[in-house]
């Protein structure tokens, strides 16, 4: 029997087949296996790791919960609770709920910002982060509120104080989530920074918080307006697994500024986030278009 026929006849599902079925990249599936134990549970006669039907259902549950906005670590815990019998059928939708403040709508949060109600912003953001995690809060509350604030500024020519207060309270809510995970999964650091002269740093902190709480990935955040020399120095000191750089505005988004970053051994992955980037990125660099994609790229690079 040929090796190809042996692979075809082996029971269960290979990682490529599972990736195609779920629409989840194979590197992400490997990361879920490494970090959360959601991996293939059987070994074929040929010695290959294979996913069985129960494994597949757990992964489907994991994927479904993440798409609903549940933090990956919480989604994994729920998926792993499925016994073999339960995993044989699709699970009912579940969303992690945590005690604490109620979760406001984006409109409610925008109204609190408009009247400079910092207490309401603190409670609303804390409740959303506790119940739904960073990604859901960012997509369903933070981004819509900033859209509302920007529209008000364009209409009235005022409202900078509203933007500043909301940004301040959001940073205060994210900051506790930046702590080093108790047991980080990465040996080499993820280095996160803004492009030189880029002042919009909240997306970088949101990424760091999501990596720490959802993926147990430790990172170093250099923050806003990181000079290229400072970023290069951090690369030399930390020898990171991945370098993520954010650009919000075109004036800060010339990728040629990153071509002078030093190399390292082993090499790191360069990931560019934000709408400001233009032109051809450095060789080997990848661009991401969302927080979820940034999390996946950075987490995979640290695996």
C-alpha atoms as a PDB file:
ATOM      1  CA  UNK A   1       0.000   0.000   0.000  1.00  0.00           C
ATOM      2  CA  UNK A   2       1.329   3.407  -0.923  1.00  0.00           C
ATOM      3  CA  UNK A   3       1.813   6.160   1.655  1.00  0.00           C
ATOM      4  CA  UNK A   4      -0.848   8.221  -0.099  1.00  0.00           C
ATOM      5  CA  UNK A   5      -3.397   5.388   0.136  1.00  0.00           C
ATOM      6  CA  UNK A   6      -2.517   4.919   3.797  1.00  0.00           C
ATOM      7  CA  UNK A   7      -3.273   8.557   4.470  1.00  0.00           C
ATOM      8  CA  UNK A   8      -6.589   8.322   2.655  1.00  0.00           C
ATOM      9  CA  UNK A   9      -7.662   5.232   4.596  1.00  0.00           C
ATOM     10  CA  UNK A  10      -6.633   6.461   8.020  1.00  0.00           C
ATOM     11  CA  UNK A  11      -9.675   7.171  10.235  1.00  0.00           C
ATOM     12  CA  UNK A  12     -10.627  10.624  11.448  1.00  0.00           C
ATOM     13  CA  UNK A  13      -9.838  14.048  10.061  1.00  0.00           C
ATOM     14  CA  UNK A  14      -6.487  15.621   9.274  1.00  0.00           C
ATOM     15  CA  UNK A  15      -5.792  19.219  10.233  1.00  0.00           C
ATOM     16  CA  UNK A  16      -6.122  20.401   6.625  1.00  0.00           C
ATOM     17  CA  UNK A  17      -9.600  18.913   6.301  1.00  0.00           C
ATOM     18  CA  UNK A  18     -10.690  20.415   9.621  1.00  0.00           C
ATOM     19  CA  UNK A  19      -9.299  23.826   8.643  1.00  0.00           C
ATOM     20  CA  UNK A  20     -11.250  23.773   5.383  1.00  0.00           C
ATOM     21  CA  UNK A  21     -14.442  22.625   7.080  1.00  0.00           C
ATOM     22  CA  UNK A  22     -14.356  25.284   9.802  1.00  0.00           C
ATOM     23  CA  UNK A  23     -12.824  28.074   7.750  1.00  0.00           C
ATOM     24  CA  UNK A  24     -10.124  28.400  10.414  1.00  0.00           C
ATOM     25  CA  UNK A  25      -6.428  28.503   9.363  1.00  0.00           C
ATOM     26  CA  UNK A  26      -4.394  25.444  10.302  1.00  0.00           C
ATOM     27  CA  UNK A  27      -1.924  27.566  12.364  1.00  0.00           C
ATOM     28  CA  UNK A  28      -4.873  28.767  14.463  1.00  0.00           C
ATOM     29  CA  UNK A  29      -5.974  25.162  15.056  1.00  0.00           C
ATOM     30  CA  UNK A  30      -2.446  24.320  16.202  1.00  0.00           C
ATOM     31  CA  UNK A  31      -2.535  27.319  18.534  1.00  0.00           C
ATOM     32  CA  UNK A  32      -5.871  26.147  20.004  1.00  0.00           C
ATOM     33  CA  UNK A  33      -4.333  22.733  20.584  1.00  0.00           C
ATOM     34  CA  UNK A  34      -1.210  24.168  22.245  1.00  0.00           C
ATOM     35  CA  UNK A  35      -2.970  26.730  24.440  1.00  0.00           C
ATOM     36  CA  UNK A  36      -6.314  25.189  25.232  1.00  0.00           C
ATOM     37  CA  UNK A  37      -5.986  21.454  24.621  1.00  0.00           C
ATOM     38  CA  UNK A  38      -8.465  21.450  21.737  1.00  0.00           C
ATOM     39  CA  UNK A  39      -6.517  19.080  19.537  1.00  0.00           C
ATOM     40  CA  UNK A  40      -6.752  15.675  17.875  1.00  0.00           C
ATOM     41  CA  UNK A  41      -7.486  12.963  20.428  1.00  0.00           C
ATOM     42  CA  UNK A  42      -6.690   9.859  18.423  1.00  0.00           C
ATOM     43  CA  UNK A  43      -3.731   8.442  16.576  1.00  0.00           C
ATOM     44  CA  UNK A  44      -4.109   6.440  13.391  1.00  0.00           C
ATOM     45  CA  UNK A  45      -2.394   3.076  12.734  1.00  0.00           C
ATOM     46  CA  UNK A  46       0.040   5.064  10.619  1.00  0.00           C
ATOM     47  CA  UNK A  47       1.012   7.155  13.633  1.00  0.00           C
ATOM     48  CA  UNK A  48      -0.678  10.392  12.527  1.00  0.00           C
ATOM     49  CA  UNK A  49      -2.689  12.586  14.914  1.00  0.00           C
ATOM     50  CA  UNK A  50      -6.306  12.689  13.793  1.00  0.00           C
ATOM     51  CA  UNK A  51      -9.434  14.577  14.868  1.00  0.00           C
ATOM     52  CA  UNK A  52     -12.491  12.435  15.556  1.00  0.00           C
ATOM     53  CA  UNK A  53     -16.128  13.544  15.422  1.00  0.00           C
ATOM     54  CA  UNK A  54     -16.162  14.688  19.056  1.00  0.00           C
ATOM     55  CA  UNK A  55     -12.976  16.719  18.496  1.00  0.00           C
ATOM     56  CA  UNK A  56     -14.558  18.350  15.473  1.00  0.00           C
ATOM     57  CA  UNK A  57     -17.713  19.306  17.387  1.00  0.00           C
ATOM     58  CA  UNK A  58     -15.639  20.904  20.146  1.00  0.00           C
ATOM     59  CA  UNK A  59     -13.758  22.938  17.560  1.00  0.00           C
ATOM     60  CA  UNK A  60     -17.020  23.966  15.917  1.00  0.00           C
ATOM     61  CA  UNK A  61     -18.287  25.116  19.324  1.00  0.00           C
ATOM     62  CA  UNK A  62     -15.045  27.020  19.956  1.00  0.00           C
ATOM     63  CA  UNK A  63     -15.268  28.717  16.566  1.00  0.00           C
ATOM     64  CA  UNK A  64     -18.956  29.580  17.000  1.00  0.00           C
ATOM     65  CA  UNK A  65     -18.446  31.142  20.426  1.00  0.00           C
ATOM     66  CA  UNK A  66     -15.486  33.236  19.263  1.00  0.00           C
ATOM     67  CA  UNK A  67     -17.556  34.541  16.349  1.00  0.00           C
ATOM     68  CA  UNK A  68     -20.192  35.591  18.891  1.00  0.00           C
ATOM     69  CA  UNK A  69     -17.574  37.657  20.688  1.00  0.00           C
ATOM     70  CA  UNK A  70     -16.664  35.308  23.539  1.00  0.00           C
ATOM     71  CA  UNK A  71     -13.015  35.539  24.577  1.00  0.00           C
ATOM     72  CA  UNK A  72     -10.990  32.575  23.214  1.00  0.00           C
ATOM     73  CA  UNK A  73     -10.027  31.284  26.673  1.00  0.00           C
ATOM     74  CA  UNK A  74     -13.675  31.314  27.793  1.00  0.00           C
ATOM     75  CA  UNK A  75     -14.809  29.740  24.519  1.00  0.00           C
ATOM     76  CA  UNK A  76     -12.267  26.955  24.961  1.00  0.00           C
ATOM     77  CA  UNK A  77     -13.429  26.236  28.509  1.00  0.00           C
ATOM     78  CA  UNK A  78     -17.006  25.920  27.293  1.00  0.00           C
ATOM     79  CA  UNK A  79     -16.043  23.736  24.345  1.00  0.00           C
ATOM     80  CA  UNK A  80     -13.995  21.415  26.551  1.00  0.00           C
ATOM     81  CA  UNK A  81     -16.971  20.899  28.855  1.00  0.00           C
ATOM     82  CA  UNK A  82     -18.679  18.972  26.078  1.00  0.00           C
ATOM     83  CA  UNK A  83     -18.410  15.263  26.797  1.00  0.00           C
ATOM     84  CA  UNK A  84     -18.057  12.834  23.932  1.00  0.00           C
ATOM     85  CA  UNK A  85     -21.810  12.350  23.797  1.00  0.00           C
ATOM     86  CA  UNK A  86     -22.571  16.050  23.937  1.00  0.00           C
ATOM     87  CA  UNK A  87     -19.926  16.814  21.353  1.00  0.00           C
ATOM     88  CA  UNK A  88     -21.592  14.479  18.896  1.00  0.00           C
ATOM     89  CA  UNK A  89     -24.331  17.075  18.324  1.00  0.00           C
ATOM     90  CA  UNK A  90     -24.190  20.814  17.866  1.00  0.00           C
ATOM     91  CA  UNK A  91     -24.272  22.647  21.174  1.00  0.00           C
ATOM     92  CA  UNK A  92     -26.853  25.310  21.987  1.00  0.00           C
ATOM     93  CA  UNK A  93     -25.566  28.902  21.872  1.00  0.00           C
ATOM     94  CA  UNK A  94     -23.969  29.995  25.122  1.00  0.00           C
ATOM     95  CA  UNK A  95     -22.384  33.300  26.039  1.00  0.00           C
ATOM     96  CA  UNK A  96     -20.142  33.701  29.045  1.00  0.00           C
ATOM     97  CA  UNK A  97     -21.791  35.813  31.705  1.00  0.00           C
ATOM     98  CA  UNK A  98     -19.984  37.367  34.596  1.00  0.00           C
ATOM     99  CA  UNK A  99     -21.381  39.159  37.618  1.00  0.00           C
ATOM    100  CA  UNK A 100     -21.008  42.898  37.795  1.00  0.00           C
ATOM    101  CA  UNK A 101     -22.231  45.993  36.048  1.00  0.00           C
ATOM    102  CA  UNK A 102     -24.790  45.809  33.253  1.00  0.00           C
ATOM    103  CA  UNK A 103     -23.556  46.047  29.688  1.00  0.00           C
ATOM    104  CA  UNK A 104     -24.840  49.197  27.957  1.00  0.00           C
ATOM    105  CA  UNK A 105     -25.554  49.607  24.284  1.00  0.00           C
ATOM    106  CA  UNK A 106     -23.226  51.685  22.140  1.00  0.00           C
ATOM    107  CA  UNK A 107     -25.836  54.478  22.070  1.00  0.00           C
ATOM    108  CA  UNK A 108     -26.051  54.508  25.872  1.00  0.00           C
ATOM    109  CA  UNK A 109     -22.281  54.628  26.185  1.00  0.00           C
ATOM    110  CA  UNK A 110     -22.070  57.464  23.641  1.00  0.00           C
ATOM    111  CA  UNK A 111     -24.668  59.456  25.589  1.00  0.00           C
ATOM    112  CA  UNK A 112     -22.656  58.968  28.793  1.00  0.00           C
ATOM    113  CA  UNK A 113     -19.566  60.246  26.999  1.00  0.00           C
ATOM    114  CA  UNK A 114     -21.466  63.238  25.610  1.00  0.00           C
ATOM    115  CA  UNK A 115     -22.410  64.418  29.101  1.00  0.00           C
ATOM    116  CA  UNK A 116     -18.920  63.591  30.429  1.00  0.00           C
ATOM    117  CA  UNK A 117     -20.248  60.933  32.839  1.00  0.00           C
ATOM    118  CA  UNK A 118     -17.005  59.174  33.651  1.00  0.00           C
ATOM    119  CA  UNK A 119     -18.584  56.928  36.280  1.00  0.00           C
ATOM    120  CA  UNK A 120     -21.122  55.546  33.790  1.00  0.00           C
ATOM    121  CA  UNK A 121     -18.353  54.977  31.263  1.00  0.00           C
ATOM    122  CA  UNK A 122     -16.270  53.115  33.858  1.00  0.00           C
ATOM    123  CA  UNK A 123     -19.172  50.858  34.818  1.00  0.00           C
ATOM    124  CA  UNK A 124     -20.272  50.196  31.251  1.00  0.00           C
ATOM    125  CA  UNK A 125     -16.819  49.372  29.925  1.00  0.00           C
ATOM    126  CA  UNK A 126     -15.995  47.209  32.948  1.00  0.00           C
ATOM    127  CA  UNK A 127     -19.231  45.268  32.554  1.00  0.00           C
ATOM    128  CA  UNK A 128     -18.680  44.682  28.845  1.00  0.00           C
ATOM    129  CA  UNK A 129     -15.076  43.568  29.266  1.00  0.00           C
ATOM    130  CA  UNK A 130     -15.980  41.203  32.104  1.00  0.00           C
ATOM    131  CA  UNK A 131     -18.895  39.609  30.296  1.00  0.00           C
ATOM    132  CA  UNK A 132     -17.791  39.581  26.693  1.00  0.00           C
ATOM    133  CA  UNK A 133     -14.058  40.189  26.541  1.00  0.00           C
ATOM    134  CA  UNK A 134     -11.903  42.651  24.655  1.00  0.00           C
ATOM    135  CA  UNK A 135     -12.793  41.764  21.068  1.00  0.00           C
ATOM    136  CA  UNK A 136     -16.561  41.979  21.543  1.00  0.00           C
ATOM    137  CA  UNK A 137     -16.286  45.209  23.513  1.00  0.00           C
ATOM    138  CA  UNK A 138     -14.027  46.764  20.896  1.00  0.00           C
ATOM    139  CA  UNK A 139     -16.212  45.819  17.950  1.00  0.00           C
ATOM    140  CA  UNK A 140     -19.654  46.350  19.447  1.00  0.00           C
ATOM    141  CA  UNK A 141     -19.085  49.303  21.777  1.00  0.00           C
ATOM    142  CA  UNK A 142     -15.766  51.098  21.339  1.00  0.00           C
ATOM    143  CA  UNK A 143     -15.729  51.485  17.565  1.00  0.00           C
ATOM    144  CA  UNK A 144     -19.404  52.561  17.295  1.00  0.00           C
ATOM    145  CA  UNK A 145     -18.950  55.099  20.111  1.00  0.00           C
ATOM    146  CA  UNK A 146     -15.934  56.620  18.390  1.00  0.00           C
ATOM    147  CA  UNK A 147     -17.949  56.817  15.153  1.00  0.00           C
ATOM    148  CA  UNK A 148     -20.692  58.693  17.016  1.00  0.00           C
ATOM    149  CA  UNK A 149     -18.202  61.042  18.658  1.00  0.00           C
ATOM    150  CA  UNK A 150     -16.463  61.751  15.336  1.00  0.00           C
ATOM    151  CA  UNK A 151     -19.800  62.452  13.645  1.00  0.00           C
ATOM    152  CA  UNK A 152     -20.672  64.931  16.390  1.00  0.00           C
ATOM    153  CA  UNK A 153     -17.339  66.692  15.993  1.00  0.00           C
ATOM    154  CA  UNK A 154     -17.815  66.963  12.239  1.00  0.00           C
ATOM    155  CA  UNK A 155     -21.326  68.355  12.707  1.00  0.00           C
ATOM    156  CA  UNK A 156     -20.638  70.879  15.477  1.00  0.00           C
ATOM    157  CA  UNK A 157     -16.908  71.509  15.342  1.00  0.00           C
ATOM    158  CA  UNK A 158     -16.745  70.732  19.061  1.00  0.00           C
ATOM    159  CA  UNK A 159     -16.504  67.689  21.291  1.00  0.00           C
ATOM    160  CA  UNK A 160     -12.786  67.094  21.706  1.00  0.00           C
ATOM    161  CA  UNK A 161     -13.385  66.824  25.450  1.00  0.00           C
ATOM    162  CA  UNK A 162     -15.850  63.987  24.812  1.00  0.00           C
ATOM    163  CA  UNK A 163     -13.288  62.060  22.777  1.00  0.00           C
ATOM    164  CA  UNK A 164     -10.591  62.630  25.371  1.00  0.00           C
ATOM    165  CA  UNK A 165     -12.732  61.484  28.292  1.00  0.00           C
ATOM    166  CA  UNK A 166     -13.920  58.343  26.512  1.00  0.00           C
ATOM    167  CA  UNK A 167     -10.349  57.511  25.486  1.00  0.00           C
ATOM    168  CA  UNK A 168      -9.134  58.055  29.045  1.00  0.00           C
ATOM    169  CA  UNK A 169     -11.792  55.814  30.608  1.00  0.00           C
ATOM    170  CA  UNK A 170     -11.240  53.136  27.980  1.00  0.00           C
ATOM    171  CA  UNK A 171      -7.515  53.154  28.701  1.00  0.00           C
ATOM    172  CA  UNK A 172      -8.262  52.862  32.423  1.00  0.00           C
ATOM    173  CA  UNK A 173     -10.506  49.855  31.748  1.00  0.00           C
ATOM    174  CA  UNK A 174      -7.934  48.129  29.544  1.00  0.00           C
ATOM    175  CA  UNK A 175      -4.924  48.762  31.734  1.00  0.00           C
ATOM    176  CA  UNK A 176      -5.592  46.034  34.345  1.00  0.00           C
ATOM    177  CA  UNK A 177      -5.878  43.502  31.524  1.00  0.00           C
ATOM    178  CA  UNK A 178      -2.339  44.205  30.324  1.00  0.00           C
ATOM    179  CA  UNK A 179      -0.740  42.339  33.224  1.00  0.00           C
ATOM    180  CA  UNK A 180       1.561  39.442  32.417  1.00  0.00           C
ATOM    181  CA  UNK A 181      -0.477  36.224  32.170  1.00  0.00           C
ATOM    182  CA  UNK A 182       0.170  33.897  35.133  1.00  0.00           C
ATOM    183  CA  UNK A 183       1.593  31.242  32.781  1.00  0.00           C
ATOM    184  CA  UNK A 184       2.450  32.843  29.406  1.00  0.00           C
ATOM    185  CA  UNK A 185       2.472  30.504  26.433  1.00  0.00           C
ATOM    186  CA  UNK A 186       5.246  32.392  24.636  1.00  0.00           C
ATOM    187  CA  UNK A 187       8.951  32.253  25.358  1.00  0.00           C
ATOM    188  CA  UNK A 188       9.746  35.112  22.968  1.00  0.00           C
ATOM    189  CA  UNK A 189       7.957  38.420  23.436  1.00  0.00           C
ATOM    190  CA  UNK A 190       5.374  40.127  21.250  1.00  0.00           C
ATOM    191  CA  UNK A 191       6.503  43.744  20.766  1.00  0.00           C
ATOM    192  CA  UNK A 192       3.696  46.242  20.088  1.00  0.00           C
ATOM    193  CA  UNK A 193       4.151  49.903  19.170  1.00  0.00           C
ATOM    194  CA  UNK A 194       2.762  52.842  17.247  1.00  0.00           C
ATOM    195  CA  UNK A 195       4.516  54.248  14.207  1.00  0.00           C
ATOM    196  CA  UNK A 196       6.715  57.273  14.704  1.00  0.00           C
ATOM    197  CA  UNK A 197       4.564  60.389  15.412  1.00  0.00           C
ATOM    198  CA  UNK A 198       1.390  58.245  15.588  1.00  0.00           C
ATOM    199  CA  UNK A 199      -0.616  59.372  18.617  1.00  0.00           C
ATOM    200  CA  UNK A 200      -3.568  56.963  18.342  1.00  0.00           C
ATOM    201  CA  UNK A 201      -2.408  54.174  20.631  1.00  0.00           C
ATOM    202  CA  UNK A 202      -5.648  52.644  21.963  1.00  0.00           C
ATOM    203  CA  UNK A 203      -5.745  49.876  19.318  1.00  0.00           C
ATOM    204  CA  UNK A 204      -2.288  48.742  20.435  1.00  0.00           C
ATOM    205  CA  UNK A 205      -3.387  48.499  24.064  1.00  0.00           C
ATOM    206  CA  UNK A 206      -6.587  46.684  23.059  1.00  0.00           C
ATOM    207  CA  UNK A 207      -4.476  44.159  21.161  1.00  0.00           C
ATOM    208  CA  UNK A 208      -2.175  43.657  24.157  1.00  0.00           C
ATOM    209  CA  UNK A 209      -5.165  43.163  26.475  1.00  0.00           C
ATOM    210  CA  UNK A 210      -6.795  40.669  24.110  1.00  0.00           C
ATOM    211  CA  UNK A 211      -3.546  38.711  23.755  1.00  0.00           C
ATOM    212  CA  UNK A 212      -3.032  38.546  27.519  1.00  0.00           C
ATOM    213  CA  UNK A 213      -6.581  37.634  28.520  1.00  0.00           C
ATOM    214  CA  UNK A 214      -7.632  35.491  25.584  1.00  0.00           C
ATOM    215  CA  UNK A 215      -4.408  33.850  24.418  1.00  0.00           C
ATOM    216  CA  UNK A 216      -2.065  34.067  27.432  1.00  0.00           C
ATOM    217  CA  UNK A 217       0.490  35.830  25.218  1.00  0.00           C
ATOM    218  CA  UNK A 218       2.858  38.201  27.003  1.00  0.00           C
ATOM    219  CA  UNK A 219       3.723  41.414  25.188  1.00  0.00           C
ATOM    220  CA  UNK A 220       5.632  44.653  25.605  1.00  0.00           C
ATOM    221  CA  UNK A 221       3.813  47.844  24.601  1.00  0.00           C
ATOM    222  CA  UNK A 222       5.875  50.881  23.647  1.00  0.00           C
ATOM    223  CA  UNK A 223       2.804  53.044  23.065  1.00  0.00           C
ATOM    224  CA  UNK A 224       2.285  56.206  21.034  1.00  0.00           C
ATOM    225  CA  UNK A 225       4.841  57.991  18.885  1.00  0.00           C
ATOM    226  CA  UNK A 226       7.584  55.387  19.089  1.00  0.00           C
ATOM    227  CA  UNK A 227      10.674  56.703  17.266  1.00  0.00           C
ATOM    228  CA  UNK A 228      12.112  54.235  14.802  1.00  0.00           C
ATOM    229  CA  UNK A 229      15.403  54.237  16.718  1.00  0.00           C
ATOM    230  CA  UNK A 230      13.573  53.317  19.926  1.00  0.00           C
ATOM    231  CA  UNK A 231      11.713  50.515  18.184  1.00  0.00           C
ATOM    232  CA  UNK A 232      14.966  49.224  16.725  1.00  0.00           C
ATOM    233  CA  UNK A 233      16.558  49.311  20.169  1.00  0.00           C
ATOM    234  CA  UNK A 234      13.694  47.322  21.654  1.00  0.00           C
ATOM    235  CA  UNK A 235      14.044  44.721  18.910  1.00  0.00           C
ATOM    236  CA  UNK A 236      17.729  44.294  19.753  1.00  0.00           C
ATOM    237  CA  UNK A 237      17.071  43.968  23.481  1.00  0.00           C
ATOM    238  CA  UNK A 238      14.003  41.719  23.392  1.00  0.00           C
ATOM    239  CA  UNK A 239      14.616  39.610  20.253  1.00  0.00           C
ATOM    240  CA  UNK A 240      10.825  39.329  19.919  1.00  0.00           C
ATOM    241  CA  UNK A 241       8.883  36.679  18.046  1.00  0.00           C
ATOM    242  CA  UNK A 242       6.706  39.322  16.407  1.00  0.00           C
ATOM    243  CA  UNK A 243       6.714  43.102  16.014  1.00  0.00           C
ATOM    244  CA  UNK A 244       3.334  44.799  15.545  1.00  0.00           C
ATOM    245  CA  UNK A 245       3.244  48.460  14.453  1.00  0.00           C
ATOM    246  CA  UNK A 246       0.073  50.579  14.257  1.00  0.00           C
ATOM    247  CA  UNK A 247      -0.547  53.541  11.950  1.00  0.00           C
ATOM    248  CA  UNK A 248      -3.842  55.410  12.080  1.00  0.00           C
ATOM    249  CA  UNK A 249      -3.039  58.252   9.680  1.00  0.00           C
ATOM    250  CA  UNK A 250      -1.358  58.335   6.285  1.00  0.00           C
ATOM    251  CA  UNK A 251       1.143  60.893   7.533  1.00  0.00           C
ATOM    252  CA  UNK A 252       2.576  58.206   9.847  1.00  0.00           C
ATOM    253  CA  UNK A 253       2.080  55.253   7.518  1.00  0.00           C
ATOM    254  CA  UNK A 254       5.155  55.193   5.297  1.00  0.00           C
ATOM    255  CA  UNK A 255       6.325  51.564   5.553  1.00  0.00           C
ATOM    256  CA  UNK A 256       9.781  52.532   4.304  1.00  0.00           C
ATOM    257  CA  UNK A 257      10.446  53.795   7.829  1.00  0.00           C
ATOM    258  CA  UNK A 258      10.439  50.163   9.000  1.00  0.00           C
ATOM    259  CA  UNK A 259      13.017  48.940   6.504  1.00  0.00           C
ATOM    260  CA  UNK A 260      15.823  49.937   8.857  1.00  0.00           C
ATOM    261  CA  UNK A 261      14.622  47.683  11.678  1.00  0.00           C
ATOM    262  CA  UNK A 262      17.406  45.270  12.648  1.00  0.00           C
ATOM    263  CA  UNK A 263      17.124  41.576  12.009  1.00  0.00           C
ATOM    264  CA  UNK A 264      17.364  38.932  14.702  1.00  0.00           C
ATOM    265  CA  UNK A 265      17.972  35.229  15.037  1.00  0.00           C
ATOM    266  CA  UNK A 266      15.605  33.543  15.053  1.00  0.00           C
ATOM    267  CA  UNK A 267      13.817  36.080  12.857  1.00  0.00           C
ATOM    268  CA  UNK A 268      10.649  37.852  13.935  1.00  0.00           C
ATOM    269  CA  UNK A 269       7.397  38.385  12.044  1.00  0.00           C
ATOM    270  CA  UNK A 270       6.536  42.024  11.221  1.00  0.00           C
ATOM    271  CA  UNK A 271       2.796  42.779  11.332  1.00  0.00           C
ATOM    272  CA  UNK A 272       1.322  46.142  10.275  1.00  0.00           C
ATOM    273  CA  UNK A 273      -2.073  47.264  11.550  1.00  0.00           C
ATOM    274  CA  UNK A 274      -4.194  50.334  10.946  1.00  0.00           C
ATOM    275  CA  UNK A 275      -5.573  52.269   7.962  1.00  0.00           C
ATOM    276  CA  UNK A 276      -2.620  54.641   7.736  1.00  0.00           C
ATOM    277  CA  UNK A 277      -0.174  52.332   5.959  1.00  0.00           C
ATOM    278  CA  UNK A 278       0.431  52.956   2.271  1.00  0.00           C
ATOM    279  CA  UNK A 279       2.983  51.818  -0.286  1.00  0.00           C
ATOM    280  CA  UNK A 280       4.789  48.513  -0.386  1.00  0.00           C
ATOM    281  CA  UNK A 281       5.435  46.967   3.043  1.00  0.00           C
ATOM    282  CA  UNK A 282       8.874  45.584   3.891  1.00  0.00           C
ATOM    283  CA  UNK A 283       9.595  42.134   2.550  1.00  0.00           C
ATOM    284  CA  UNK A 284       7.964  39.458   4.679  1.00  0.00           C
ATOM    285  CA  UNK A 285       5.674  41.887   6.511  1.00  0.00           C
ATOM    286  CA  UNK A 286       1.938  41.220   6.651  1.00  0.00           C
ATOM    287  CA  UNK A 287      -0.921  43.694   7.018  1.00  0.00           C
ATOM    288  CA  UNK A 288      -4.011  43.011   9.117  1.00  0.00           C
ATOM    289  CA  UNK A 289      -7.390  44.642   8.764  1.00  0.00           C
ATOM    290  CA  UNK A 290      -9.061  43.946  12.126  1.00  0.00           C
ATOM    291  CA  UNK A 291      -8.368  43.313  15.781  1.00  0.00           C
ATOM    292  CA  UNK A 292      -9.295  39.654  15.370  1.00  0.00           C
ATOM    293  CA  UNK A 293      -6.841  39.233  12.507  1.00  0.00           C
ATOM    294  CA  UNK A 294      -4.112  40.996  14.487  1.00  0.00           C
ATOM    295  CA  UNK A 295      -4.688  38.661  17.454  1.00  0.00           C
ATOM    296  CA  UNK A 296      -4.520  35.590  15.210  1.00  0.00           C
ATOM    297  CA  UNK A 297      -1.330  36.729  13.440  1.00  0.00           C
ATOM    298  CA  UNK A 298       0.494  37.764  16.590  1.00  0.00           C
ATOM    299  CA  UNK A 299      -0.554  34.676  18.553  1.00  0.00           C
ATOM    300  CA  UNK A 300       0.490  32.367  15.728  1.00  0.00           C
ATOM    301  CA  UNK A 301       3.886  34.060  15.491  1.00  0.00           C
ATOM    302  CA  UNK A 302       4.533  33.457  19.193  1.00  0.00           C
ATOM    303  CA  UNK A 303       3.458  29.797  19.145  1.00  0.00           C
END
